[in-house]
Amino acid sequence: VTTLPARGIIPDSDPKNLGMLGMHGTIAATGAVQRADLLVAIGARFDDRVTGKLDAFAPTARVIHIDIDPAEIGKNRQPDVPIVGDVATVLDDLIPEIQRTQAIQGKPNLAPWWKAIDGWREEYPMTWDEPTDGSLAPQWVIKKLSEMADPSTIWVTGVGQHQMWATQYIRHVKPRSFLTSGGLGTMGFGYGAAIGAKLAVGESRPVIHIT
């Protein structure tokens, strides 16, 4: 699962990507985290839009928290295993250890877990109510825009409901391609950010600003 700023770090086409969690996220992502045995939080800060009531968040999960900033560790959720370091370096060290352990102990049978998750995905997809006045649902507009856009598009949003529709209905496929103001939630962010993105990439990639 990903948080808002991390959309696209794993493509939405990957069946193991459950999307964004939290109050504006998918049921599957939030349900999986709430029922998890182990939560590996990579560069995450456990903000209130993700956790809701903090003491009810992922109540049965042990937490490994990886962050380059020691001030983030234990700020909101106390981890069982705190790791301060650059994510790329930490994962390069951690993954071979996981593979070594699984070679000795075997891999867990995750088939029942994925069956449950896939059931939630099927039963609780992202949907919207169609307008009855003949107008276009903004969610539909954003979804169609995503389907028609070049896969290399950089998406930029302002702050508000349209920001949540953009993260929910754009098909995010590339990392560092979704620019939005999370945390501070600065209204008016999108226009300047879109201009900055276009100056950075030039004609090599299109930039679309949703506001």
N, C-alpha and C. Protein backbone atom coordinates (compact mmCIF):
# COMPACT_ATOMS: atom_id res chain seq x y z
N VAL A 1 0.86 -1.19 0.00
CA VAL A 1 0.00 0.00 0.00
C VAL A 1 0.89 1.24 0.00
N THR A 2 0.36 2.36 -0.48
CA THR A 2 1.13 3.60 -0.48
C THR A 2 0.35 4.72 0.19
N THR A 3 1.08 5.71 0.59
CA THR A 3 0.47 6.94 1.07
C THR A 3 0.31 7.90 -0.12
N LEU A 4 -0.28 9.05 0.11
CA LEU A 4 -0.56 10.01 -0.97
C LEU A 4 0.68 10.43 -1.76
N PRO A 5 1.77 10.84 -1.10
CA PRO A 5 2.92 11.31 -1.90
C PRO A 5 3.63 10.19 -2.66
N ALA A 6 3.37 8.94 -2.30
CA ALA A 6 4.09 7.82 -2.91
C ALA A 6 3.35 7.17 -4.07
N ARG A 7 2.21 7.74 -4.47
CA ARG A 7 1.46 7.14 -5.58
C ARG A 7 2.35 7.06 -6.81
N GLY A 8 2.38 5.89 -7.44
CA GLY A 8 3.21 5.68 -8.61
C GLY A 8 4.53 5.00 -8.33
N ILE A 9 4.93 4.92 -7.05
CA ILE A 9 6.21 4.28 -6.74
C ILE A 9 6.16 2.79 -7.11
N ILE A 10 4.96 2.21 -7.03
CA ILE A 10 4.67 0.88 -7.58
C ILE A 10 3.52 1.10 -8.56
N PRO A 11 3.61 0.63 -9.80
CA PRO A 11 2.54 0.92 -10.75
C PRO A 11 1.21 0.30 -10.32
N ASP A 12 0.13 1.01 -10.64
CA ASP A 12 -1.20 0.50 -10.30
C ASP A 12 -1.53 -0.79 -11.03
N SER A 13 -0.78 -1.09 -12.09
CA SER A 13 -0.99 -2.33 -12.83
C SER A 13 -0.47 -3.56 -12.08
N ASP A 14 0.36 -3.35 -11.06
CA ASP A 14 0.90 -4.47 -10.29
C ASP A 14 -0.20 -5.03 -9.39
N PRO A 15 -0.54 -6.31 -9.53
CA PRO A 15 -1.64 -6.87 -8.73
C PRO A 15 -1.38 -6.85 -7.22
N LYS A 16 -0.13 -6.68 -6.82
CA LYS A 16 0.17 -6.63 -5.38
C LYS A 16 0.04 -5.21 -4.81
N ASN A 17 -0.22 -4.24 -5.69
CA ASN A 17 -0.41 -2.87 -5.23
C ASN A 17 -1.88 -2.66 -4.91
N LEU A 18 -2.18 -2.39 -3.66
CA LEU A 18 -3.57 -2.21 -3.22
C LEU A 18 -4.01 -0.75 -3.25
N GLY A 19 -3.10 0.14 -3.67
CA GLY A 19 -3.45 1.55 -3.73
C GLY A 19 -3.18 2.27 -2.42
N MET A 20 -3.81 3.42 -2.29
CA MET A 20 -3.60 4.27 -1.12
C MET A 20 -4.47 3.81 0.04
N LEU A 21 -3.93 3.93 1.25
CA LEU A 21 -4.71 3.58 2.44
C LEU A 21 -5.20 4.84 3.14
N GLY A 22 -6.04 4.65 4.14
CA GLY A 22 -6.50 5.77 4.96
C GLY A 22 -7.89 6.23 4.60
N MET A 23 -8.26 7.40 5.10
CA MET A 23 -9.64 7.86 5.01
C MET A 23 -10.10 8.09 3.57
N HIS A 24 -9.17 8.35 2.65
CA HIS A 24 -9.52 8.53 1.24
C HIS A 24 -8.99 7.38 0.39
N GLY A 25 -8.54 6.32 1.02
CA GLY A 25 -7.94 5.22 0.30
C GLY A 25 -8.91 4.11 -0.04
N THR A 26 -8.35 3.02 -0.53
CA THR A 26 -9.18 1.87 -0.88
C THR A 26 -9.49 1.03 0.35
N ILE A 27 -10.63 0.35 0.29
CA ILE A 27 -11.01 -0.56 1.39
C ILE A 27 -9.97 -1.68 1.50
N ALA A 28 -9.51 -2.19 0.36
CA ALA A 28 -8.55 -3.30 0.38
C ALA A 28 -7.25 -2.88 1.07
N ALA A 29 -6.73 -1.70 0.73
CA ALA A 29 -5.47 -1.24 1.32
C ALA A 29 -5.62 -1.04 2.83
N THR A 30 -6.67 -0.35 3.22
CA THR A 30 -6.89 -0.06 4.64
C THR A 30 -7.19 -1.34 5.42
N GLY A 31 -8.01 -2.20 4.83
CA GLY A 31 -8.34 -3.47 5.49
C GLY A 31 -7.12 -4.35 5.68
N ALA A 32 -6.25 -4.39 4.67
CA ALA A 32 -5.05 -5.22 4.77
C ALA A 32 -4.13 -4.72 5.88
N VAL A 33 -3.96 -3.41 5.95
CA VAL A 33 -3.10 -2.85 6.99
C VAL A 33 -3.70 -3.09 8.38
N GLN A 34 -5.02 -2.92 8.49
CA GLN A 34 -5.67 -3.10 9.79
C GLN A 34 -5.56 -4.54 10.31
N ARG A 35 -5.41 -5.50 9.38
CA ARG A 35 -5.36 -6.90 9.78
C ARG A 35 -3.96 -7.50 9.67
N ALA A 36 -2.98 -6.66 9.40
CA ALA A 36 -1.62 -7.16 9.16
C ALA A 36 -0.95 -7.65 10.44
N ASP A 37 -0.09 -8.66 10.25
CA ASP A 37 0.77 -9.14 11.35
C ASP A 37 2.03 -8.28 11.45
N LEU A 38 2.51 -7.84 10.30
CA LEU A 38 3.75 -7.06 10.24
C LEU A 38 3.57 -5.90 9.27
N LEU A 39 3.97 -4.73 9.71
CA LEU A 39 3.88 -3.53 8.88
C LEU A 39 5.28 -2.96 8.72
N VAL A 40 5.75 -2.93 7.47
CA VAL A 40 7.06 -2.34 7.17
C VAL A 40 6.79 -0.95 6.61
N ALA A 41 7.02 0.06 7.41
CA ALA A 41 6.73 1.45 7.02
C ALA A 41 8.02 2.08 6.50
N ILE A 42 8.03 2.39 5.21
CA ILE A 42 9.24 2.89 4.55
C ILE A 42 9.05 4.37 4.25
N GLY A 43 9.74 5.22 5.00
CA GLY A 43 9.65 6.66 4.78
C GLY A 43 8.27 7.23 5.06
N ALA A 44 7.48 6.54 5.86
CA ALA A 44 6.12 7.00 6.17
C ALA A 44 6.11 7.71 7.52
N ARG A 45 5.09 8.54 7.75
CA ARG A 45 5.07 9.31 8.98
C ARG A 45 3.82 9.07 9.84
N PHE A 46 2.97 8.11 9.42
CA PHE A 46 1.78 7.76 10.22
C PHE A 46 0.92 8.99 10.51
N ASP A 47 0.60 9.74 9.45
CA ASP A 47 -0.22 10.94 9.66
C ASP A 47 -1.67 10.55 9.92
N ASP A 48 -2.45 11.50 10.39
CA ASP A 48 -3.81 11.20 10.86
C ASP A 48 -4.75 10.78 9.73
N ARG A 49 -4.48 11.22 8.47
CA ARG A 49 -5.34 10.81 7.35
C ARG A 49 -5.14 9.32 7.03
N VAL A 50 -4.01 8.79 7.42
CA VAL A 50 -3.72 7.37 7.22
C VAL A 50 -4.20 6.54 8.40
N THR A 51 -3.94 7.02 9.61
CA THR A 51 -4.16 6.18 10.81
C THR A 51 -5.56 6.33 11.38
N GLY A 52 -6.21 7.50 11.20
CA GLY A 52 -7.43 7.75 11.96
C GLY A 52 -7.07 7.79 13.44
N LYS A 53 -7.87 7.12 14.26
CA LYS A 53 -7.57 7.05 15.70
C LYS A 53 -6.31 6.21 15.89
N LEU A 54 -5.26 6.85 16.36
CA LEU A 54 -3.93 6.24 16.34
C LEU A 54 -3.86 4.91 17.10
N ASP A 55 -4.53 4.85 18.26
CA ASP A 55 -4.41 3.61 19.04
C ASP A 55 -5.25 2.46 18.47
N ALA A 56 -6.06 2.75 17.45
CA ALA A 56 -6.82 1.69 16.78
C ALA A 56 -6.22 1.32 15.43
N PHE A 57 -5.08 1.93 15.08
CA PHE A 57 -4.47 1.71 13.77
C PHE A 57 -3.60 0.45 13.79
N ALA A 58 -3.86 -0.47 12.86
CA ALA A 58 -3.09 -1.71 12.72
C ALA A 58 -2.80 -2.32 14.10
N PRO A 59 -3.86 -2.65 14.85
CA PRO A 59 -3.68 -3.00 16.27
C PRO A 59 -2.89 -4.28 16.51
N THR A 60 -2.88 -5.21 15.55
CA THR A 60 -2.18 -6.48 15.78
C THR A 60 -0.81 -6.53 15.11
N ALA A 61 -0.41 -5.44 14.47
CA ALA A 61 0.82 -5.46 13.68
C ALA A 61 2.04 -5.08 14.50
N ARG A 62 3.12 -5.85 14.29
CA ARG A 62 4.43 -5.39 14.71
C ARG A 62 4.92 -4.45 13.62
N VAL A 63 5.67 -3.42 14.00
CA VAL A 63 6.05 -2.36 13.06
C VAL A 63 7.56 -2.26 12.93
N ILE A 64 8.03 -2.34 11.67
CA ILE A 64 9.40 -1.98 11.33
C ILE A 64 9.31 -0.63 10.64
N HIS A 65 9.96 0.38 11.20
CA HIS A 65 9.88 1.73 10.64
C HIS A 65 11.26 2.14 10.14
N ILE A 66 11.36 2.38 8.82
CA ILE A 66 12.61 2.78 8.18
C ILE A 66 12.47 4.24 7.75
N ASP A 67 13.39 5.09 8.21
CA ASP A 67 13.35 6.50 7.81
C ASP A 67 14.73 7.11 7.96
N ILE A 68 15.08 7.99 7.05
CA ILE A 68 16.39 8.65 7.13
C ILE A 68 16.42 9.71 8.23
N ASP A 69 15.24 10.17 8.65
CA ASP A 69 15.13 11.23 9.66
C ASP A 69 14.80 10.61 11.01
N PRO A 70 15.73 10.62 11.96
CA PRO A 70 15.44 10.00 13.26
C PRO A 70 14.27 10.63 14.00
N ALA A 71 13.95 11.90 13.68
CA ALA A 71 12.83 12.56 14.35
C ALA A 71 11.49 11.94 13.99
N GLU A 72 11.42 11.24 12.84
CA GLU A 72 10.16 10.61 12.42
C GLU A 72 9.91 9.30 13.14
N ILE A 73 10.97 8.66 13.62
CA ILE A 73 10.83 7.34 14.24
C ILE A 73 10.14 7.49 15.60
N GLY A 74 9.00 6.84 15.76
CA GLY A 74 8.28 6.87 17.03
C GLY A 74 7.54 8.16 17.29
N LYS A 75 7.47 9.07 16.30
CA LYS A 75 6.78 10.35 16.51
C LYS A 75 5.29 10.14 16.75
N ASN A 76 4.70 9.21 15.97
CA ASN A 76 3.27 8.92 16.12
C ASN A 76 3.04 7.48 16.55
N ARG A 77 3.58 6.52 15.81
CA ARG A 77 3.44 5.11 16.16
C ARG A 77 4.80 4.60 16.61
N GLN A 78 4.83 4.01 17.80
CA GLN A 78 6.09 3.47 18.32
C GLN A 78 6.44 2.18 17.59
N PRO A 79 7.58 2.11 16.90
CA PRO A 79 7.91 0.89 16.16
C PRO A 79 8.50 -0.18 17.06
N ASP A 80 8.36 -1.43 16.64
CA ASP A 80 9.02 -2.53 17.33
C ASP A 80 10.48 -2.62 16.90
N VAL A 81 10.73 -2.28 15.63
CA VAL A 81 12.10 -2.27 15.10
C VAL A 81 12.33 -0.94 14.40
N PRO A 82 13.02 0.01 15.03
CA PRO A 82 13.32 1.28 14.36
C PRO A 82 14.62 1.15 13.57
N ILE A 83 14.61 1.65 12.33
CA ILE A 83 15.82 1.63 11.50
C ILE A 83 16.00 3.03 10.91
N VAL A 84 17.08 3.69 11.30
CA VAL A 84 17.39 5.01 10.76
C VAL A 84 18.42 4.84 9.66
N GLY A 85 18.06 5.26 8.45
CA GLY A 85 19.00 5.14 7.34
C GLY A 85 18.34 5.45 6.03
N ASP A 86 19.16 5.58 5.00
CA ASP A 86 18.66 5.78 3.64
C ASP A 86 17.93 4.54 3.19
N VAL A 87 16.73 4.70 2.68
CA VAL A 87 15.87 3.56 2.33
C VAL A 87 16.55 2.62 1.35
N ALA A 88 17.21 3.18 0.33
CA ALA A 88 17.86 2.33 -0.68
C ALA A 88 18.92 1.44 -0.05
N THR A 89 19.72 2.01 0.84
CA THR A 89 20.77 1.24 1.51
C THR A 89 20.18 0.19 2.43
N VAL A 90 19.18 0.60 3.20
CA VAL A 90 18.55 -0.34 4.15
C VAL A 90 17.93 -1.52 3.41
N LEU A 91 17.20 -1.26 2.34
CA LEU A 91 16.55 -2.35 1.60
C LEU A 91 17.57 -3.25 0.92
N ASP A 92 18.65 -2.67 0.42
CA ASP A 92 19.72 -3.49 -0.18
C ASP A 92 20.31 -4.46 0.83
N ASP A 93 20.34 -4.04 2.10
CA ASP A 93 20.85 -4.93 3.16
C ASP A 93 19.78 -5.89 3.66
N LEU A 94 18.53 -5.41 3.69
CA LEU A 94 17.46 -6.19 4.31
C LEU A 94 16.96 -7.32 3.42
N ILE A 95 16.81 -7.07 2.13
CA ILE A 95 16.22 -8.06 1.22
C ILE A 95 17.02 -9.37 1.18
N PRO A 96 18.37 -9.32 1.07
CA PRO A 96 19.10 -10.60 1.11
C PRO A 96 18.92 -11.37 2.42
N GLU A 97 18.73 -10.64 3.52
CA GLU A 97 18.50 -11.31 4.81
C GLU A 97 17.14 -12.03 4.82
N ILE A 98 16.13 -11.37 4.24
CA ILE A 98 14.81 -12.00 4.13
C ILE A 98 14.90 -13.24 3.25
N GLN A 99 15.59 -13.12 2.13
CA GLN A 99 15.74 -14.26 1.22
C GLN A 99 16.50 -15.41 1.89
N ARG A 100 17.53 -15.07 2.66
CA ARG A 100 18.30 -16.10 3.37
C ARG A 100 17.43 -16.82 4.40
N THR A 101 16.65 -16.05 5.15
CA THR A 101 15.76 -16.64 6.16
C THR A 101 14.71 -17.53 5.52
N GLN A 102 14.14 -17.08 4.40
CA GLN A 102 13.11 -17.88 3.72
C GLN A 102 13.70 -19.14 3.11
N ALA A 103 14.97 -19.08 2.68
CA ALA A 103 15.62 -20.27 2.14
C ALA A 103 15.78 -21.35 3.21
N ILE A 104 15.93 -20.91 4.46
CA ILE A 104 16.10 -21.85 5.56
C ILE A 104 14.75 -22.31 6.11
N GLN A 105 13.87 -21.34 6.34
CA GLN A 105 12.61 -21.63 7.04
C GLN A 105 11.42 -21.84 6.09
N GLY A 106 11.60 -21.52 4.80
CA GLY A 106 10.49 -21.61 3.86
C GLY A 106 9.67 -20.34 3.85
N LYS A 107 8.89 -20.16 2.78
CA LYS A 107 8.03 -18.99 2.66
C LYS A 107 6.66 -19.29 3.25
N PRO A 108 6.01 -18.30 3.85
CA PRO A 108 4.66 -18.53 4.38
C PRO A 108 3.65 -18.73 3.27
N ASN A 109 2.59 -19.45 3.56
CA ASN A 109 1.51 -19.64 2.59
C ASN A 109 0.57 -18.44 2.66
N LEU A 110 0.66 -17.58 1.64
CA LEU A 110 -0.13 -16.34 1.63
C LEU A 110 -1.41 -16.47 0.81
N ALA A 111 -1.70 -17.66 0.29
CA ALA A 111 -2.88 -17.83 -0.57
C ALA A 111 -4.18 -17.41 0.13
N PRO A 112 -4.42 -17.83 1.40
CA PRO A 112 -5.67 -17.40 2.06
C PRO A 112 -5.73 -15.88 2.27
N TRP A 113 -4.58 -15.29 2.55
CA TRP A 113 -4.51 -13.84 2.76
C TRP A 113 -4.85 -13.10 1.47
N TRP A 114 -4.29 -13.54 0.33
CA TRP A 114 -4.59 -12.89 -0.94
C TRP A 114 -6.03 -13.14 -1.37
N LYS A 115 -6.57 -14.29 -1.02
CA LYS A 115 -7.98 -14.56 -1.33
C LYS A 115 -8.88 -13.56 -0.61
N ALA A 116 -8.57 -13.27 0.65
CA ALA A 116 -9.34 -12.29 1.41
C ALA A 116 -9.21 -10.90 0.80
N ILE A 117 -7.97 -10.50 0.48
CA ILE A 117 -7.73 -9.18 -0.09
C ILE A 117 -8.44 -9.02 -1.43
N ASP A 118 -8.33 -10.03 -2.28
CA ASP A 118 -8.99 -9.96 -3.59
C ASP A 118 -10.51 -9.89 -3.44
N GLY A 119 -11.03 -10.52 -2.40
CA GLY A 119 -12.46 -10.42 -2.11
C GLY A 119 -12.86 -9.00 -1.76
N TRP A 120 -12.04 -8.32 -0.97
CA TRP A 120 -12.33 -6.92 -0.62
C TRP A 120 -12.24 -6.03 -1.86
N ARG A 121 -11.25 -6.30 -2.72
CA ARG A 121 -11.11 -5.49 -3.94
C ARG A 121 -12.34 -5.61 -4.83
N GLU A 122 -12.85 -6.84 -4.92
CA GLU A 122 -14.01 -7.07 -5.78
C GLU A 122 -15.28 -6.49 -5.18
N GLU A 123 -15.41 -6.62 -3.87
CA GLU A 123 -16.64 -6.19 -3.21
C GLU A 123 -16.70 -4.67 -2.99
N TYR A 124 -15.52 -4.06 -2.81
CA TYR A 124 -15.49 -2.62 -2.47
C TYR A 124 -14.57 -1.85 -3.43
N PRO A 125 -14.92 -1.79 -4.72
CA PRO A 125 -14.10 -0.99 -5.64
C PRO A 125 -14.36 0.51 -5.43
N MET A 126 -13.48 1.33 -5.97
CA MET A 126 -13.71 2.78 -5.97
C MET A 126 -14.87 3.09 -6.91
N THR A 127 -15.90 3.73 -6.41
CA THR A 127 -17.07 4.06 -7.23
C THR A 127 -17.52 5.48 -6.95
N TRP A 128 -18.45 5.95 -7.76
CA TRP A 128 -19.05 7.26 -7.53
C TRP A 128 -20.51 7.24 -7.94
N ASP A 129 -21.26 8.21 -7.47
CA ASP A 129 -22.66 8.37 -7.84
C ASP A 129 -22.75 9.21 -9.11
N GLU A 130 -23.41 8.67 -10.12
CA GLU A 130 -23.59 9.42 -11.36
C GLU A 130 -24.55 10.60 -11.14
N PRO A 131 -24.19 11.78 -11.64
CA PRO A 131 -25.10 12.93 -11.51
C PRO A 131 -26.43 12.67 -12.23
N THR A 132 -27.50 13.20 -11.69
CA THR A 132 -28.82 13.00 -12.30
C THR A 132 -29.25 14.21 -13.14
N ASP A 133 -28.40 15.24 -13.20
CA ASP A 133 -28.77 16.46 -13.93
C ASP A 133 -28.14 16.54 -15.32
N GLY A 134 -27.52 15.44 -15.76
CA GLY A 134 -26.91 15.43 -17.08
C GLY A 134 -25.48 15.92 -17.12
N SER A 135 -24.95 16.36 -15.98
CA SER A 135 -23.55 16.81 -15.95
C SER A 135 -22.61 15.61 -15.84
N LEU A 136 -21.32 15.85 -16.01
CA LEU A 136 -20.33 14.78 -15.93
C LEU A 136 -19.79 14.67 -14.51
N ALA A 137 -19.70 13.45 -14.02
CA ALA A 137 -19.09 13.23 -12.71
C ALA A 137 -17.60 13.57 -12.80
N PRO A 138 -17.06 14.39 -11.89
CA PRO A 138 -15.64 14.73 -11.97
C PRO A 138 -14.73 13.51 -11.87
N GLN A 139 -15.18 12.49 -11.13
CA GLN A 139 -14.38 11.27 -11.05
C GLN A 139 -14.26 10.62 -12.42
N TRP A 140 -15.37 10.61 -13.17
CA TRP A 140 -15.37 10.04 -14.52
C TRP A 140 -14.44 10.83 -15.43
N VAL A 141 -14.49 12.15 -15.32
CA VAL A 141 -13.64 13.01 -16.15
C VAL A 141 -12.16 12.70 -15.89
N ILE A 142 -11.79 12.61 -14.62
CA ILE A 142 -10.38 12.34 -14.28
C ILE A 142 -9.97 10.94 -14.74
N LYS A 143 -10.85 9.96 -14.58
CA LYS A 143 -10.55 8.59 -15.01
C LYS A 143 -10.33 8.56 -16.53
N LYS A 144 -11.22 9.22 -17.29
CA LYS A 144 -11.09 9.25 -18.75
C LYS A 144 -9.83 10.00 -19.18
N LEU A 145 -9.53 11.10 -18.48
CA LEU A 145 -8.32 11.86 -18.77
C LEU A 145 -7.09 10.97 -18.58
N SER A 146 -7.09 10.19 -17.51
CA SER A 146 -5.98 9.28 -17.23
C SER A 146 -5.84 8.23 -18.32
N GLU A 147 -6.97 7.69 -18.77
CA GLU A 147 -6.94 6.65 -19.80
C GLU A 147 -6.40 7.19 -21.13
N MET A 148 -6.66 8.48 -21.41
CA MET A 148 -6.27 9.07 -22.69
C MET A 148 -4.87 9.68 -22.66
N ALA A 149 -4.34 9.92 -21.46
CA ALA A 149 -3.07 10.64 -21.34
C ALA A 149 -1.88 9.73 -21.66
N ASP A 150 -0.79 10.37 -22.05
CA ASP A 150 0.46 9.65 -22.28
C ASP A 150 0.91 9.02 -20.95
N PRO A 151 1.40 7.78 -20.97
CA PRO A 151 1.84 7.12 -19.72
C PRO A 151 2.96 7.87 -18.99
N SER A 152 3.70 8.72 -19.72
CA SER A 152 4.80 9.44 -19.09
C SER A 152 4.35 10.75 -18.44
N THR A 153 3.05 11.03 -18.46
CA THR A 153 2.53 12.30 -17.94
C THR A 153 2.92 12.53 -16.49
N ILE A 154 3.28 13.76 -16.19
CA ILE A 154 3.43 14.21 -14.80
C ILE A 154 2.12 14.87 -14.39
N TRP A 155 1.53 14.36 -13.32
CA TRP A 155 0.25 14.86 -12.83
C TRP A 155 0.49 15.79 -11.64
N VAL A 156 -0.20 16.91 -11.66
CA VAL A 156 -0.07 17.89 -10.58
C VAL A 156 -1.48 18.25 -10.12
N THR A 157 -1.66 18.41 -8.82
CA THR A 157 -2.98 18.83 -8.33
C THR A 157 -2.86 20.00 -7.35
N GLY A 158 -3.98 20.71 -7.24
CA GLY A 158 -4.14 21.63 -6.13
C GLY A 158 -4.55 20.83 -4.90
N VAL A 159 -5.20 21.49 -3.95
CA VAL A 159 -5.61 20.83 -2.70
C VAL A 159 -7.12 20.92 -2.55
N GLY A 160 -7.73 19.81 -2.25
CA GLY A 160 -9.18 19.76 -2.07
C GLY A 160 -9.72 18.41 -2.52
N GLN A 161 -11.01 18.36 -2.77
CA GLN A 161 -11.63 17.10 -3.16
C GLN A 161 -11.04 16.57 -4.47
N HIS A 162 -10.77 17.49 -5.41
CA HIS A 162 -10.19 17.07 -6.69
C HIS A 162 -8.84 16.36 -6.51
N GLN A 163 -8.12 16.73 -5.46
CA GLN A 163 -6.83 16.10 -5.14
C GLN A 163 -7.04 14.62 -4.82
N MET A 164 -8.09 14.34 -4.04
CA MET A 164 -8.38 12.94 -3.69
C MET A 164 -8.89 12.16 -4.90
N TRP A 165 -9.72 12.79 -5.72
CA TRP A 165 -10.18 12.11 -6.95
C TRP A 165 -8.99 11.80 -7.85
N ALA A 166 -8.03 12.71 -7.91
CA ALA A 166 -6.86 12.50 -8.77
C ALA A 166 -6.04 11.30 -8.29
N THR A 167 -5.85 11.19 -6.99
CA THR A 167 -5.06 10.05 -6.51
C THR A 167 -5.85 8.74 -6.65
N GLN A 168 -7.17 8.82 -6.59
CA GLN A 168 -8.00 7.61 -6.66
C GLN A 168 -8.22 7.13 -8.09
N TYR A 169 -8.39 8.03 -9.04
CA TYR A 169 -8.85 7.63 -10.37
C TYR A 169 -7.83 7.80 -11.49
N ILE A 170 -6.72 8.48 -11.23
CA ILE A 170 -5.62 8.45 -12.19
C ILE A 170 -4.92 7.10 -12.05
N ARG A 171 -4.55 6.52 -13.19
CA ARG A 171 -3.80 5.27 -13.16
C ARG A 171 -2.32 5.63 -13.06
N HIS A 172 -1.81 5.53 -11.85
CA HIS A 172 -0.42 5.93 -11.59
C HIS A 172 0.51 4.80 -12.00
N VAL A 173 1.46 5.12 -12.87
CA VAL A 173 2.32 4.06 -13.43
C VAL A 173 3.81 4.32 -13.23
N LYS A 174 4.20 5.54 -12.94
CA LYS A 174 5.64 5.86 -12.82
C LYS A 174 5.92 6.59 -11.52
N PRO A 175 7.08 6.31 -10.90
CA PRO A 175 7.44 7.07 -9.70
C PRO A 175 7.76 8.52 -10.03
N ARG A 176 7.65 9.38 -9.04
CA ARG A 176 7.96 10.81 -9.16
C ARG A 176 7.18 11.47 -10.28
N SER A 177 5.94 11.05 -10.46
CA SER A 177 5.10 11.60 -11.53
C SER A 177 3.79 12.18 -10.99
N PHE A 178 3.66 12.26 -9.66
CA PHE A 178 2.44 12.80 -9.05
C PHE A 178 2.86 13.85 -8.03
N LEU A 179 2.63 15.12 -8.36
CA LEU A 179 3.04 16.22 -7.50
C LEU A 179 1.81 16.82 -6.83
N THR A 180 1.78 16.72 -5.51
CA THR A 180 0.62 17.24 -4.78
C THR A 180 1.09 17.68 -3.40
N SER A 181 0.35 18.55 -2.77
CA SER A 181 0.74 19.07 -1.47
C SER A 181 0.08 18.25 -0.37
N GLY A 182 0.82 17.26 0.13
CA GLY A 182 0.33 16.44 1.24
C GLY A 182 0.89 16.97 2.54
N GLY A 183 0.16 16.78 3.62
CA GLY A 183 0.63 17.27 4.91
C GLY A 183 0.27 18.72 5.11
N LEU A 184 1.00 19.62 4.47
CA LEU A 184 0.69 21.05 4.59
C LEU A 184 -0.63 21.38 3.92
N GLY A 185 -0.94 20.68 2.83
CA GLY A 185 -2.22 20.89 2.14
C GLY A 185 -2.39 22.32 1.67
N THR A 186 -1.42 22.83 0.91
CA THR A 186 -1.39 24.24 0.54
C THR A 186 -2.27 24.51 -0.68
N MET A 187 -3.39 25.21 -0.48
CA MET A 187 -4.24 25.58 -1.61
C MET A 187 -3.50 26.56 -2.52
N GLY A 188 -3.65 26.36 -3.83
CA GLY A 188 -2.92 27.17 -4.79
C GLY A 188 -1.59 26.58 -5.19
N PHE A 189 -1.24 25.43 -4.60
CA PHE A 189 0.05 24.78 -4.86
C PHE A 189 0.20 24.34 -6.31
N GLY A 190 -0.90 23.87 -6.91
CA GLY A 190 -0.80 23.14 -8.17
C GLY A 190 -0.27 23.92 -9.35
N TYR A 191 -0.73 25.16 -9.52
CA TYR A 191 -0.37 25.93 -10.71
C TYR A 191 1.13 26.17 -10.78
N GLY A 192 1.70 26.66 -9.69
CA GLY A 192 3.14 26.90 -9.64
C GLY A 192 3.94 25.62 -9.78
N ALA A 193 3.45 24.54 -9.15
CA ALA A 193 4.14 23.25 -9.23
C ALA A 193 4.13 22.72 -10.66
N ALA A 194 3.01 22.91 -11.36
CA ALA A 194 2.91 22.45 -12.75
C ALA A 194 3.88 23.22 -13.64
N ILE A 195 3.98 24.52 -13.44
CA ILE A 195 4.94 25.32 -14.22
C ILE A 195 6.36 24.85 -13.93
N GLY A 196 6.67 24.61 -12.65
CA GLY A 196 7.99 24.13 -12.27
C GLY A 196 8.31 22.78 -12.90
N ALA A 197 7.32 21.88 -12.89
CA ALA A 197 7.51 20.56 -13.48
C ALA A 197 7.78 20.68 -14.98
N LYS A 198 7.03 21.57 -15.65
CA LYS A 198 7.20 21.72 -17.10
C LYS A 198 8.56 22.33 -17.43
N LEU A 199 9.01 23.28 -16.62
CA LEU A 199 10.34 23.84 -16.82
C LEU A 199 11.41 22.77 -16.65
N ALA A 200 11.17 21.83 -15.73
CA ALA A 200 12.16 20.78 -15.46
C ALA A 200 12.23 19.76 -16.58
N VAL A 201 11.09 19.35 -17.12
CA VAL A 201 11.09 18.25 -18.11
C VAL A 201 11.03 18.74 -19.55
N GLY A 202 10.68 20.00 -19.78
CA GLY A 202 10.61 20.53 -21.13
C GLY A 202 9.58 19.78 -21.97
N GLU A 203 9.96 19.48 -23.22
CA GLU A 203 9.04 18.81 -24.13
C GLU A 203 9.10 17.29 -24.01
N SER A 204 9.94 16.78 -23.09
CA SER A 204 10.13 15.32 -22.99
C SER A 204 8.93 14.62 -22.39
N ARG A 205 8.15 15.34 -21.56
CA ARG A 205 6.98 14.72 -20.91
C ARG A 205 5.87 15.75 -20.79
N PRO A 206 4.61 15.33 -21.01
CA PRO A 206 3.50 16.27 -20.78
C PRO A 206 3.24 16.45 -19.28
N VAL A 207 2.72 17.60 -18.93
CA VAL A 207 2.34 17.91 -17.54
C VAL A 207 0.88 18.30 -17.54
N ILE A 208 0.09 17.66 -16.69
CA ILE A 208 -1.35 17.97 -16.57
C ILE A 208 -1.63 18.41 -15.14
N HIS A 209 -2.26 19.57 -15.02
CA HIS A 209 -2.61 20.13 -13.71
C HIS A 209 -4.13 19.99 -13.51
N ILE A 210 -4.54 19.33 -12.45
CA ILE A 210 -5.94 19.19 -12.09
C ILE A 210 -6.22 20.09 -10.91
N THR A 211 -7.24 20.96 -11.06
CA THR A 211 -7.52 21.92 -10.00
C THR A 211 -8.99 22.22 -9.95
